[in-house]
């Protein structure tokens, strides 16, 4: 089972000091203190030796004597967690955090306890709160970044297993380059091709076209954006700039005013997107919040305070969400736990206001576990990457060289920035602190594979598995190496184990099907490939349907094979047409 928090052994020295204070401080009388202290000391000695199960009975006896002892509650929570009972750990860790609300220790363990139960909203809230109450704590920052990147990677795998999800992945990749980068527009166009109904995709394309100077393209995309959602305020801002380019300041001012009345923060965020020289001929041409906005643009003033906006006549959350009144949405009371749609809308509102600290827990609570919304995962992935980056920047200013800081830097470089070579260096520095840490070895192997260092990647992945056979990331690296080298005999058993451990991972099942097809195991190839494609696994170029046709042919199922080949041809031709359009700047969307 994945542990999201870092190993926090160094904290026990701090906790050991707290033990004496905790035991002696809250007790109601000396007799209780005299009985409590040896119990806690014996339990703590067992805890330090990793004998968590043996420590628990002693801690429960201590809890009966003094249920409000911070240290007793903290140790009970940690030991239940370490014995594989995260649900039992939660009440004790919550109580410890209430007893000492300014300490991060119980919050970090509470985040891990919730994460182990896949209760990600509460987990995220606990991790984020730990960073907030102890901004100088490297351990808390590293714990949150590890959790955030683990969730980011998990959602990325899930997104890539469907057509709409793949569109969201392209869109996420498009957010990384600058807006005037040519690849950004191409990625957004591919996203629109795959999911034309994705919220905000057309206004994203409009902004991209406008940033690159394609005014005609921007106007077309604005029209598509408004047709898809008449309340798309990002499209309204682009439309205002297009009007200003045409010296139609009446329309530009009206559009800007409409955005300012609904979400002044959203308009304030657009200051950097508006050309500073694009100003009305006379100051009196535009008045009110639009005038303040243009003044902020001229003076490069951020944040730009445009006032509170106007309140909607309705207080209904559905109406506010539809009208994109994000600030009003965030001021509504938190919904009841069972109202997932209300949590989703609340999370979207915070994300639109670039408040990822509060957006993340709300979006997590708004995701259906069985069929999470692609748009929710898209916004969550975006927020997790932003918040992880911001947290990492702050903790790196400490200048520490602890192993966990190197792991965090490596994770950021590898998972968010795709800089494998630099990640290798960070992981090697972390490994120097503990050469037998399987968590570092498997990360290093993954980075070395990405950097093309195949042999040493294989060695480190094997070393990680020798220390801890449960390291799935190391097994995945070995499978990827085997597939690259066409060593299917090695790839198949590793892929079989990965697919068995996580049957919902369609990507692993696709890879297993490829390997089985190469080894002649047509039945197993079909059992993994056909259901994945039926569930909507993306096949833009048609290569997977062609593989399915080949497998079915070997199985003697000719009619089904012909149908698979026909689908492969259609997908291939459609992809080539999209490629031609991407290469032709004058092509229509």
Protein backbone atom coordinates (compact mmCIF):
# COMPACT_ATOMS: atom_id res chain seq x y z
CA UNK A 1 0.00 0.00 0.00
CA UNK A 2 1.31 3.43 -0.94
CA UNK A 3 2.50 5.67 1.89
CA UNK A 4 2.07 9.29 0.87
CA UNK A 5 4.02 10.91 3.69
CA UNK A 6 7.80 10.75 3.95
CA UNK A 7 9.42 8.64 6.64
CA UNK A 8 9.47 10.93 9.61
CA UNK A 9 11.96 9.15 11.86
CA UNK A 10 13.86 12.33 12.64
CA UNK A 11 10.72 13.74 14.25
CA UNK A 12 10.87 11.22 17.05
CA UNK A 13 13.76 13.10 18.67
CA UNK A 14 11.48 16.12 18.88
CA UNK A 15 8.59 14.01 20.10
CA UNK A 16 10.78 12.39 22.74
CA UNK A 17 11.32 15.79 24.28
CA UNK A 18 7.61 16.50 24.11
CA UNK A 19 6.90 13.21 25.86
CA UNK A 20 8.05 14.41 29.25
CA UNK A 21 6.11 17.63 28.95
CA UNK A 22 3.01 15.87 27.68
CA UNK A 23 3.04 13.27 30.43
CA UNK A 24 3.56 15.70 33.27
CA UNK A 25 1.57 18.62 31.97
CA UNK A 26 -2.14 17.78 31.63
CA UNK A 27 -2.49 15.22 34.43
CA UNK A 28 -5.07 16.07 37.06
CA UNK A 29 -2.94 14.85 39.96
CA UNK A 30 0.47 13.52 40.84
CA UNK A 31 -0.77 9.94 41.30
CA UNK A 32 -2.04 9.77 37.73
CA UNK A 33 1.18 11.31 36.47
CA UNK A 34 3.23 8.74 38.35
CA UNK A 35 1.28 5.86 36.78
CA UNK A 36 1.11 7.42 33.33
CA UNK A 37 4.77 8.28 32.81
CA UNK A 38 6.23 4.73 32.87
CA UNK A 39 3.42 3.45 30.63
CA UNK A 40 4.12 6.08 27.99
CA UNK A 41 7.88 5.63 28.26
CA UNK A 42 7.63 1.87 27.72
CA UNK A 43 5.24 2.38 24.80
CA UNK A 44 7.55 4.95 23.27
CA UNK A 45 10.54 2.62 23.57
CA UNK A 46 8.58 -0.08 21.71
CA UNK A 47 7.46 2.48 19.15
CA UNK A 48 11.03 3.55 18.41
CA UNK A 49 11.95 -0.11 17.84
CA UNK A 50 9.08 -0.46 15.33
CA UNK A 51 7.09 -2.73 17.65
CA UNK A 52 3.87 -0.84 17.09
CA UNK A 53 1.47 -3.70 17.89
CA UNK A 54 3.14 -4.24 21.26
CA UNK A 55 3.00 -0.53 22.04
CA UNK A 56 -0.73 -0.20 21.40
CA UNK A 57 -2.07 -1.94 24.56
CA UNK A 58 0.17 0.23 26.73
CA UNK A 59 -0.97 3.37 24.96
CA UNK A 60 -4.64 2.44 25.39
CA UNK A 61 -4.04 2.01 29.12
CA UNK A 62 -2.41 5.43 29.14
CA UNK A 63 -5.35 6.87 27.21
CA UNK A 64 -7.77 5.51 29.84
CA UNK A 65 -5.78 7.36 32.50
CA UNK A 66 -5.44 10.63 30.58
CA UNK A 67 -7.55 10.85 27.36
CA UNK A 68 -6.53 14.48 26.74
CA UNK A 69 -2.79 13.86 26.60
CA UNK A 70 -1.45 15.12 23.29
CA UNK A 71 1.45 12.71 23.07
CA UNK A 72 -0.66 9.64 23.93
CA UNK A 73 -3.19 10.52 21.20
CA UNK A 74 -0.43 11.20 18.69
CA UNK A 75 1.34 7.91 19.35
CA UNK A 76 -1.93 5.96 19.27
CA UNK A 77 -2.69 7.46 15.86
CA UNK A 78 0.77 6.73 14.47
CA UNK A 79 0.88 3.16 15.79
CA UNK A 80 -2.59 2.29 14.48
CA UNK A 81 -1.44 3.72 11.14
CA UNK A 82 1.77 1.70 11.15
CA UNK A 83 -0.12 -1.52 11.94
CA UNK A 84 -2.27 -1.06 8.83
CA UNK A 85 -5.34 0.37 10.54
CA UNK A 86 -5.65 3.93 9.19
CA UNK A 87 -9.34 4.14 10.05
CA UNK A 88 -8.59 3.48 13.74
CA UNK A 89 -5.81 6.06 13.62
CA UNK A 90 -8.00 8.96 12.49
CA UNK A 91 -9.88 9.84 15.73
CA UNK A 92 -6.66 9.92 17.78
CA UNK A 93 -4.79 12.03 15.23
CA UNK A 94 -7.74 14.43 14.95
CA UNK A 95 -7.81 14.80 18.72
CA UNK A 96 -4.06 15.40 18.85
CA UNK A 97 -4.42 18.13 16.24
CA UNK A 98 -7.17 19.77 18.28
CA UNK A 99 -5.08 19.61 21.44
CA UNK A 100 -2.16 21.36 19.73
CA UNK A 101 -3.57 23.15 16.67
CA UNK A 102 -0.28 24.93 15.89
CA UNK A 103 1.75 21.73 15.49
CA UNK A 104 2.06 20.00 12.14
CA UNK A 105 2.93 16.45 13.29
CA UNK A 106 -0.61 15.08 13.83
CA UNK A 107 -1.85 16.79 10.65
CA UNK A 108 0.78 15.12 8.45
CA UNK A 109 -0.02 11.69 9.86
CA UNK A 110 -3.74 12.46 9.59
CA UNK A 111 -3.25 13.24 5.91
CA UNK A 112 -1.50 9.89 5.44
CA UNK A 113 -4.27 8.06 7.33
CA UNK A 114 -6.97 9.54 5.10
CA UNK A 115 -4.93 8.98 1.93
CA UNK A 116 -4.49 5.30 2.77
CA UNK A 117 -8.30 5.04 2.79
CA UNK A 118 -8.63 6.94 -0.52
CA UNK A 119 -10.41 9.78 1.33
CA UNK A 120 -8.53 12.38 -0.63
CA UNK A 121 -10.52 15.51 0.26
CA UNK A 122 -9.77 15.16 3.97
CA UNK A 123 -6.20 14.02 3.21
CA UNK A 124 -5.50 17.10 1.10
CA UNK A 125 -7.04 19.38 3.71
CA UNK A 126 -4.85 17.89 6.46
CA UNK A 127 -1.63 18.13 4.43
CA UNK A 128 -2.36 21.70 3.32
CA UNK A 129 -3.21 22.75 6.87
CA UNK A 130 0.08 21.24 8.12
CA UNK A 131 2.03 23.39 5.65
CA UNK A 132 -0.01 26.44 6.66
CA UNK A 133 0.49 26.05 10.43
CA UNK A 134 4.22 25.30 10.04
CA UNK A 135 5.41 27.18 6.94
CA UNK A 136 9.04 26.65 7.91
CA UNK A 137 8.75 22.86 8.23
CA UNK A 138 10.57 21.08 5.42
CA UNK A 139 9.02 17.75 6.47
CA UNK A 140 5.44 19.02 6.11
CA UNK A 141 6.19 20.62 2.76
CA UNK A 142 7.82 17.46 1.45
CA UNK A 143 4.89 15.37 2.71
CA UNK A 144 2.38 17.55 0.86
CA UNK A 145 4.42 17.64 -2.36
CA UNK A 146 4.75 13.85 -2.27
CA UNK A 147 0.99 13.48 -1.79
CA UNK A 148 0.20 16.04 -4.51
CA UNK A 149 2.49 14.45 -7.08
CA UNK A 150 1.20 10.97 -6.26
CA UNK A 151 -2.36 12.15 -6.88
CA UNK A 152 -1.22 14.00 -10.02
CA UNK A 153 0.37 10.82 -11.39
CA UNK A 154 -2.66 8.70 -10.51
CA UNK A 155 -5.08 11.04 -12.23
CA UNK A 156 -2.79 11.32 -15.23
CA UNK A 157 -2.93 7.54 -15.70
CA UNK A 158 -6.71 7.58 -15.42
CA UNK A 159 -7.08 10.49 -17.82
CA UNK A 160 -5.00 8.77 -20.48
CA UNK A 161 -7.37 5.80 -20.47
CA UNK A 162 -10.28 7.62 -22.15
CA UNK A 163 -10.80 9.90 -25.13
CA UNK A 164 -12.05 12.84 -23.05
CA UNK A 165 -9.32 12.23 -20.51
CA UNK A 166 -6.65 12.29 -23.21
CA UNK A 167 -8.08 15.65 -24.31
CA UNK A 168 -7.61 16.92 -20.75
CA UNK A 169 -4.01 15.63 -20.78
CA UNK A 170 -3.27 17.59 -23.95
CA UNK A 171 -4.82 20.64 -22.34
CA UNK A 172 -2.70 20.25 -19.22
CA UNK A 173 0.42 20.00 -21.35
CA UNK A 174 -0.65 23.15 -23.17
CA UNK A 175 -0.69 25.09 -19.91
CA UNK A 176 3.07 24.63 -19.44
CA UNK A 177 4.50 26.66 -22.39
CA UNK A 178 4.00 30.37 -22.89
CA UNK A 179 0.80 31.31 -24.70
CA UNK A 180 2.59 32.37 -27.86
CA UNK A 181 4.38 29.03 -28.20
CA UNK A 182 3.21 27.22 -31.34
CA UNK A 183 3.00 23.80 -29.62
CA UNK A 184 0.50 25.20 -27.12
CA UNK A 185 -2.08 26.02 -29.77
CA UNK A 186 -1.59 22.64 -31.44
CA UNK A 187 -2.10 20.83 -28.13
CA UNK A 188 -5.27 22.80 -27.43
CA UNK A 189 -6.58 22.04 -30.91
CA UNK A 190 -5.98 18.32 -30.39
CA UNK A 191 -7.82 18.59 -27.08
CA UNK A 192 -10.78 20.24 -28.83
CA UNK A 193 -10.76 17.55 -31.52
CA UNK A 194 -11.05 14.87 -28.83
CA UNK A 195 -13.56 16.67 -26.60
CA UNK A 196 -15.28 19.67 -28.18
CA UNK A 197 -17.63 19.92 -25.19
CA UNK A 198 -14.90 20.35 -22.56
CA UNK A 199 -15.72 23.44 -20.44
CA UNK A 200 -13.62 26.42 -21.48
CA UNK A 201 -11.68 24.70 -24.28
CA UNK A 202 -12.80 27.18 -26.95
CA UNK A 203 -11.97 30.24 -24.84
CA UNK A 204 -8.54 28.68 -24.19
CA UNK A 205 -8.07 28.44 -27.95
CA UNK A 206 -9.31 32.02 -28.36
CA UNK A 207 -6.75 33.29 -25.86
CA UNK A 208 -4.00 31.28 -27.53
CA UNK A 209 -4.88 32.60 -30.99
CA UNK A 210 -5.08 36.16 -29.68
CA UNK A 211 -1.68 35.88 -27.97
CA UNK A 212 -0.12 34.72 -31.24
CA UNK A 213 -1.67 37.64 -33.17
CA UNK A 214 -4.26 35.54 -35.04
CA UNK A 215 -7.21 37.93 -34.64
CA UNK A 216 -9.43 36.12 -37.15
CA UNK A 217 -8.84 32.80 -35.43
CA UNK A 218 -9.48 34.37 -32.04
CA UNK A 219 -12.81 35.76 -33.25
CA UNK A 220 -13.88 32.35 -34.57
CA UNK A 221 -12.99 30.66 -31.30
CA UNK A 222 -14.82 33.33 -29.28
CA UNK A 223 -17.95 32.64 -31.28
CA UNK A 224 -17.62 28.91 -30.62
CA UNK A 225 -16.95 29.54 -26.93
CA UNK A 226 -20.03 31.74 -26.49
CA UNK A 227 -22.15 29.30 -28.48
CA UNK A 228 -21.04 26.51 -26.12
CA UNK A 229 -21.49 28.66 -22.99
CA UNK A 230 -23.01 32.16 -23.23
CA UNK A 231 -21.59 32.90 -19.75
CA UNK A 232 -17.96 32.07 -20.62
CA UNK A 233 -16.25 35.10 -19.10
CA UNK A 234 -12.80 34.15 -20.40
CA UNK A 235 -14.31 34.43 -23.89
CA UNK A 236 -15.85 37.79 -22.92
CA UNK A 237 -12.39 39.12 -22.01
CA UNK A 238 -10.97 38.00 -25.37
CA UNK A 239 -13.95 39.58 -27.11
CA UNK A 240 -13.27 42.84 -25.25
CA UNK A 241 -9.68 42.86 -26.47
CA UNK A 242 -10.77 42.12 -30.04
CA UNK A 243 -13.22 45.04 -29.82
CA UNK A 244 -10.46 47.30 -28.52
CA UNK A 245 -8.21 46.24 -31.41
CA UNK A 246 -11.00 47.49 -33.70
CA UNK A 247 -11.31 50.72 -31.64
CA UNK A 248 -14.80 49.69 -30.61
CA UNK A 249 -14.38 50.90 -27.04
CA UNK A 250 -18.10 50.90 -26.33
CA UNK A 251 -18.26 47.14 -26.84
CA UNK A 252 -14.92 46.60 -25.12
CA UNK A 253 -16.03 48.58 -22.07
CA UNK A 254 -19.36 46.77 -21.89
CA UNK A 255 -17.68 43.37 -22.01
CA UNK A 256 -15.12 44.30 -19.34
CA UNK A 257 -17.84 45.75 -17.14
CA UNK A 258 -19.89 42.55 -17.43
CA UNK A 259 -16.93 40.47 -16.25
CA UNK A 260 -16.15 42.92 -13.42
CA UNK A 261 -19.73 42.74 -12.15
CA UNK A 262 -19.71 38.92 -12.07
CA UNK A 263 -16.13 38.10 -11.07
CA UNK A 264 -13.75 41.05 -10.55
CA UNK A 265 -10.95 38.66 -9.55
CA UNK A 266 -11.17 36.89 -12.91
CA UNK A 267 -10.82 40.23 -14.71
CA UNK A 268 -7.92 41.21 -12.45
CA UNK A 269 -6.10 38.03 -13.50
CA UNK A 270 -6.29 39.19 -17.14
CA UNK A 271 -4.12 42.28 -16.55
CA UNK A 272 -1.02 40.51 -17.86
CA UNK A 273 -2.83 39.29 -20.99
CA UNK A 274 -3.88 42.75 -22.19
CA UNK A 275 -1.32 44.73 -24.29
CA UNK A 276 -0.28 47.80 -22.21
CA UNK A 277 -0.51 50.13 -25.22
CA UNK A 278 -4.05 49.05 -26.07
CA UNK A 279 -5.79 52.00 -24.39
CA UNK A 280 -8.78 54.22 -25.32
CA UNK A 281 -8.00 57.54 -27.08
CA UNK A 282 -9.24 59.55 -24.08
CA UNK A 283 -9.54 58.44 -20.42
CA UNK A 284 -13.24 59.28 -20.30
CA UNK A 285 -14.08 56.81 -23.06
CA UNK A 286 -14.20 53.95 -20.56
CA UNK A 287 -15.36 54.46 -16.96
CA UNK A 288 -15.91 52.43 -13.78
CA UNK A 289 -14.23 49.03 -13.22
CA UNK A 290 -13.11 48.79 -16.89
CA UNK A 291 -11.23 52.08 -16.47
CA UNK A 292 -9.56 50.73 -13.31
CA UNK A 293 -8.65 47.57 -15.19
CA UNK A 294 -7.04 49.50 -18.05
CA UNK A 295 -5.18 51.66 -15.54
CA UNK A 296 -3.78 48.50 -13.94
CA UNK A 297 -2.72 47.29 -17.40
CA UNK A 298 -1.00 50.59 -18.14
CA UNK A 299 0.86 50.63 -14.82
CA UNK A 300 1.49 46.86 -14.74
CA UNK A 301 -0.21 46.83 -11.36
CA UNK A 302 -1.10 43.43 -9.89
CA UNK A 303 -3.17 42.54 -8.08
CA UNK A 304 -5.70 44.91 -9.56
CA UNK A 305 -8.47 45.76 -7.10
CA UNK A 306 -11.65 46.33 -9.09
CA UNK A 307 -14.18 46.41 -6.26
CA UNK A 308 -16.58 43.78 -4.97
CA UNK A 309 -18.67 43.27 -8.11
CA UNK A 310 -22.44 43.12 -8.07
CA UNK A 311 -24.48 40.46 -6.32
CA UNK A 312 -26.82 38.20 -8.21
CA UNK A 313 -30.53 38.43 -7.49
CA UNK A 314 -30.40 34.69 -6.83
CA UNK A 315 -28.56 32.93 -4.02
CA UNK A 316 -29.04 29.53 -5.66
CA UNK A 317 -25.67 27.85 -6.14
CA UNK A 318 -26.65 26.38 -9.49
CA UNK A 319 -27.55 29.84 -10.83
CA UNK A 320 -24.38 31.41 -9.44
CA UNK A 321 -22.28 28.64 -10.94
CA UNK A 322 -23.96 28.96 -14.35
CA UNK A 323 -23.42 32.74 -14.31
CA UNK A 324 -19.78 32.22 -13.24
CA UNK A 325 -20.09 34.41 -10.17
CA UNK A 326 -17.08 32.73 -8.60
CA UNK A 327 -16.63 35.01 -5.58
CA UNK A 328 -20.26 34.62 -4.52
CA UNK A 329 -19.99 30.86 -4.94
CA UNK A 330 -17.01 30.64 -2.57
CA UNK A 331 -18.84 32.66 0.10
CA UNK A 332 -21.68 30.13 0.34
CA UNK A 333 -21.57 27.82 3.38
CA UNK A 334 -19.72 24.53 2.75
CA UNK A 335 -22.21 21.90 1.50
CA UNK A 336 -23.14 18.70 3.29
CA UNK A 337 -20.68 15.80 2.72
CA UNK A 338 -23.10 13.85 0.47
CA UNK A 339 -23.62 16.76 -1.96
CA UNK A 340 -20.81 15.91 -4.37
CA UNK A 341 -22.08 18.20 -7.15
CA UNK A 342 -22.12 21.19 -4.77
CA UNK A 343 -18.56 20.38 -3.65
CA UNK A 344 -17.52 20.12 -7.30
CA UNK A 345 -18.97 23.55 -8.09
CA UNK A 346 -17.32 25.01 -5.01
CA UNK A 347 -13.97 23.55 -6.07
CA UNK A 348 -14.29 24.89 -9.62
CA UNK A 349 -15.03 28.35 -8.20
CA UNK A 350 -11.91 28.37 -6.02
CA UNK A 351 -9.82 27.06 -8.94
CA UNK A 352 -11.08 29.83 -11.22
CA UNK A 353 -9.95 32.34 -8.58
CA UNK A 354 -6.53 30.64 -8.46
CA UNK A 355 -7.07 29.61 -4.84
CA UNK A 356 -5.80 26.05 -5.16
CA UNK A 357 -5.35 25.55 -1.42
CA UNK A 358 -9.12 25.61 -1.01
CA UNK A 359 -9.96 24.28 -4.48
CA UNK A 360 -8.17 20.96 -3.98
CA UNK A 361 -10.14 19.59 -0.99
CA UNK A 362 -13.44 20.75 -2.52
CA UNK A 363 -12.71 19.19 -5.91
CA UNK A 364 -11.59 15.95 -4.27
CA UNK A 365 -14.88 15.79 -2.36
CA UNK A 366 -16.75 16.54 -5.56
CA UNK A 367 -15.28 13.61 -7.51
CA UNK A 368 -17.30 10.45 -7.84
CA UNK A 369 -15.04 7.51 -6.97
CA UNK A 370 -16.65 5.22 -9.53
CA UNK A 371 -16.79 7.68 -12.44
CA UNK A 372 -14.91 10.91 -11.64
CA UNK A 373 -15.64 13.87 -13.89
CA UNK A 374 -12.87 14.54 -16.40
CA UNK A 375 -13.15 18.31 -15.89
CA UNK A 376 -12.76 17.84 -12.14
CA UNK A 377 -9.63 15.72 -12.63
CA UNK A 378 -8.30 18.29 -15.09
CA UNK A 379 -8.68 21.14 -12.58
CA UNK A 380 -7.34 18.99 -9.75
CA UNK A 381 -4.25 18.05 -11.77
CA UNK A 382 -3.68 21.70 -12.62
CA UNK A 383 -4.08 22.75 -8.98
CA UNK A 384 -1.92 19.96 -7.60
CA UNK A 385 0.91 20.85 -9.99
CA UNK A 386 0.67 24.56 -9.16
CA UNK A 387 0.44 24.06 -5.41
CA UNK A 388 3.25 21.50 -5.38
CA UNK A 389 5.44 23.92 -7.31
CA UNK A 390 4.65 26.81 -4.99
CA UNK A 391 5.28 24.73 -1.88
CA UNK A 392 8.55 23.39 -3.29
CA UNK A 393 9.78 26.91 -4.07
CA UNK A 394 9.18 28.00 -0.48
CA UNK A 395 10.85 25.02 1.14
CA UNK A 396 13.85 25.15 -1.20
CA UNK A 397 14.63 28.63 0.08
CA UNK A 398 15.70 26.98 3.35
CA UNK A 399 18.83 25.73 1.59
CA UNK A 400 18.72 22.38 3.35
CA UNK A 401 20.33 19.33 1.80
CA UNK A 402 18.28 16.64 3.52
CA UNK A 403 17.44 13.54 1.51
CA UNK A 404 13.73 14.36 1.49
CA UNK A 405 14.38 17.75 -0.08
CA UNK A 406 16.38 16.10 -2.86
CA UNK A 407 13.57 13.58 -3.39
CA UNK A 408 11.06 16.42 -3.60
CA UNK A 409 13.15 18.33 -6.12
CA UNK A 410 13.61 15.16 -8.16
CA UNK A 411 9.89 14.45 -8.14
CA UNK A 412 9.10 17.98 -9.33
CA UNK A 413 11.69 17.76 -12.11
CA UNK A 414 10.61 14.30 -13.28
CA UNK A 415 6.83 14.31 -12.86
CA UNK A 416 5.96 17.93 -13.58
CA UNK A 417 8.78 19.27 -15.75
CA UNK A 418 9.92 16.12 -17.61
CA UNK A 419 13.58 16.94 -16.87
CA UNK A 420 14.87 13.42 -16.30
CA UNK A 421 18.60 14.21 -16.28
CA UNK A 422 18.26 16.83 -13.55
CA UNK A 423 15.97 14.52 -11.59
CA UNK A 424 18.68 11.82 -11.70
CA UNK A 425 21.12 14.20 -10.01
CA UNK A 426 18.68 15.00 -7.21
CA UNK A 427 17.83 11.36 -6.58
CA UNK A 428 21.54 10.45 -6.50
CA UNK A 429 22.10 13.08 -3.80
CA UNK A 430 19.20 11.60 -1.83
CA UNK A 431 20.55 8.08 -2.30
CA UNK A 432 23.92 9.16 -0.88
CA UNK A 433 22.16 9.67 2.45
CA UNK A 434 20.76 6.12 2.44
CA UNK A 435 22.02 3.79 -0.35
CA UNK A 436 19.42 1.13 0.50
CA UNK A 437 16.26 3.24 0.42
CA UNK A 438 13.95 1.42 -2.06
CA UNK A 439 11.77 4.53 -2.50
CA UNK A 440 14.77 6.48 -3.81
CA UNK A 441 16.10 3.57 -5.87
CA UNK A 442 12.81 3.14 -7.75
CA UNK A 443 12.58 6.89 -8.41
CA UNK A 444 16.17 6.95 -9.64
CA UNK A 445 15.48 4.00 -11.94
CA UNK A 446 12.46 5.78 -13.41
CA UNK A 447 14.46 8.98 -14.03
CA UNK A 448 17.38 7.06 -15.55
CA UNK A 449 14.99 5.29 -17.91
CA UNK A 450 13.63 8.69 -18.99
CA UNK A 451 17.19 9.91 -19.52
CA UNK A 452 18.05 6.91 -21.69
CA UNK A 453 20.36 5.24 -19.16
CA UNK A 454 18.82 1.84 -19.61
CA UNK A 455 21.30 -0.54 -17.98
CA UNK A 456 21.79 1.41 -14.76
CA UNK A 457 18.02 2.00 -14.63
CA UNK A 458 17.47 -1.76 -14.75
CA UNK A 459 20.03 -2.33 -11.98
CA UNK A 460 18.45 0.21 -9.63
CA UNK A 461 14.93 -1.05 -10.27
CA UNK A 462 16.07 -4.61 -9.50
CA UNK A 463 17.83 -3.38 -6.35
CA UNK A 464 14.64 -1.68 -5.17
CA UNK A 465 12.62 -4.87 -5.70
CA UNK A 466 15.22 -6.97 -3.90
CA UNK A 467 14.81 -4.76 -0.82
CA UNK A 468 11.03 -4.39 -1.14
CA UNK A 469 9.22 -6.68 -3.63
CA UNK A 470 6.06 -4.52 -3.33
CA UNK A 471 7.62 -1.56 -5.18
CA UNK A 472 5.27 -1.33 -8.18
CA UNK A 473 7.05 1.65 -9.77
CA UNK A 474 10.27 -0.37 -9.93
CA UNK A 475 8.43 -3.29 -11.51
CA UNK A 476 6.87 -0.89 -14.02
CA UNK A 477 10.32 0.40 -14.99
CA UNK A 478 11.58 -3.15 -15.56
CA UNK A 479 8.54 -3.87 -17.74
CA UNK A 480 9.10 -0.69 -19.76
CA UNK A 481 12.75 -1.59 -20.33
CA UNK A 482 11.79 -5.09 -21.43
CA UNK A 483 9.18 -3.76 -23.84
CA UNK A 484 11.68 -1.29 -25.31
CA UNK A 485 14.21 -4.08 -25.81
CA UNK A 486 11.51 -6.41 -27.16
CA UNK A 487 12.26 -8.84 -24.35
CA UNK A 488 8.65 -9.94 -24.10
CA UNK A 489 9.42 -13.00 -21.99
CA UNK A 490 10.59 -10.64 -19.22
CA UNK A 491 7.89 -8.06 -19.86
CA UNK A 492 4.88 -10.39 -19.65
CA UNK A 493 5.17 -11.62 -16.02
CA UNK A 494 5.88 -8.11 -14.76
CA UNK A 495 2.96 -6.66 -16.69
CA UNK A 496 0.71 -9.48 -15.53
CA UNK A 497 1.49 -8.66 -11.91
CA UNK A 498 0.96 -4.93 -12.45
CA UNK A 499 -2.37 -5.54 -14.19
CA UNK A 500 -3.48 -7.95 -11.47
CA UNK A 501 -2.56 -5.49 -8.70
CA UNK A 502 -4.60 -2.73 -10.35
CA UNK A 503 -7.24 -4.08 -12.76
CA UNK A 504 -8.50 -0.53 -13.43
CA UNK A 505 -5.16 0.50 -14.96
CA UNK A 506 -6.07 0.20 -18.63
CA UNK A 507 -2.62 1.37 -19.74
CA UNK A 508 -0.99 -1.67 -18.14
CA UNK A 509 -3.57 -3.95 -19.74
CA UNK A 510 -2.83 -2.42 -23.15
CA UNK A 511 0.91 -2.97 -22.64
CA UNK A 512 0.24 -6.55 -21.52
CA UNK A 513 -1.83 -7.11 -24.67
CA UNK A 514 1.04 -5.82 -26.84
CA UNK A 515 3.50 -8.18 -25.16
CA UNK A 516 1.16 -11.17 -25.33
CA UNK A 517 0.52 -10.54 -29.01
CA UNK A 518 4.26 -10.70 -29.63
CA UNK A 519 4.64 -13.98 -27.73
CA UNK A 520 1.73 -15.64 -29.52
CA UNK A 521 -0.61 -15.59 -26.52
CA UNK A 522 -3.49 -14.32 -28.65
CA UNK A 523 -6.26 -15.22 -26.21
CA UNK A 524 -4.66 -13.28 -23.36
CA UNK A 525 -3.87 -10.39 -25.69
CA UNK A 526 -7.53 -10.22 -26.75
CA UNK A 527 -8.80 -10.47 -23.13
CA UNK A 528 -6.81 -7.39 -22.20
CA UNK A 529 -7.05 -5.35 -25.41
CA UNK A 530 -10.70 -5.69 -26.41
CA UNK A 531 -12.25 -4.61 -23.05
CA UNK A 532 -9.89 -1.63 -22.78
CA UNK A 533 -10.90 -0.38 -26.24
CA UNK A 534 -14.57 -1.06 -25.46
CA UNK A 535 -14.22 1.13 -22.35
CA UNK A 536 -13.00 4.00 -24.51
CA UNK A 537 -9.22 3.72 -24.28
CA UNK A 538 -7.97 6.33 -26.79
CA UNK A 539 -6.61 5.12 -30.10
CA UNK A 540 -6.05 8.28 -32.12
CA UNK A 541 -3.94 6.70 -34.86
CA UNK A 542 -5.83 3.41 -35.03
CA UNK A 543 -2.77 1.31 -34.14
CA UNK A 544 -4.49 -0.49 -31.27
CA UNK A 545 -7.48 -1.45 -33.43
CA UNK A 546 -5.01 -2.72 -36.04
CA UNK A 547 -3.34 -4.83 -33.33
CA UNK A 548 -6.79 -6.11 -32.31
CA UNK A 549 -7.46 -7.08 -35.91
CA UNK A 550 -4.16 -8.97 -36.07
CA UNK A 551 -4.94 -10.84 -32.83
CA UNK A 552 -8.47 -11.73 -33.98
CA UNK A 553 -7.09 -12.99 -37.29
CA UNK A 554 -4.73 -15.35 -35.45
CA UNK A 555 -7.70 -16.54 -33.39
CA UNK A 556 -9.64 -17.32 -36.59
CA UNK A 557 -12.30 -14.67 -35.94
CA UNK A 558 -12.13 -13.19 -39.43
CA UNK A 559 -15.32 -11.10 -39.45
CA UNK A 560 -14.44 -9.36 -36.20
CA UNK A 561 -10.90 -8.84 -37.44
CA UNK A 562 -12.16 -7.15 -40.62
CA UNK A 563 -14.28 -4.79 -38.53
CA UNK A 564 -11.26 -3.93 -36.31
CA UNK A 565 -9.11 -3.26 -39.40
CA UNK A 566 -11.82 -1.02 -40.86
CA UNK A 567 -12.00 0.99 -37.62
CA UNK A 568 -8.20 1.25 -37.61
CA UNK A 569 -8.25 2.67 -41.14
CA UNK A 570 -10.93 5.25 -40.24
CA UNK A 571 -9.01 6.40 -37.16
CA UNK A 572 -5.74 6.61 -39.07
CA UNK A 573 -7.25 8.70 -41.87
CA UNK A 574 -8.97 11.02 -39.39
CA UNK A 575 -5.69 11.52 -37.52
CA UNK A 576 -3.81 12.30 -40.73
CA UNK A 577 -6.41 14.91 -41.66
CA UNK A 578 -5.98 16.54 -38.24
CA UNK A 579 -2.20 16.51 -38.71
CA UNK A 580 -2.52 18.21 -42.09
CA UNK A 581 -4.79 20.85 -40.56
CA UNK A 582 -2.31 21.49 -37.72
CA UNK A 583 0.40 22.11 -40.31
CA UNK A 584 -1.85 24.51 -42.27
CA UNK A 585 -2.28 27.84 -40.42
CA UNK A 586 -5.18 28.83 -42.70
CA UNK A 587 -7.20 25.67 -42.08
CA UNK A 588 -10.59 26.05 -40.39
CA UNK A 589 -11.13 24.48 -36.95
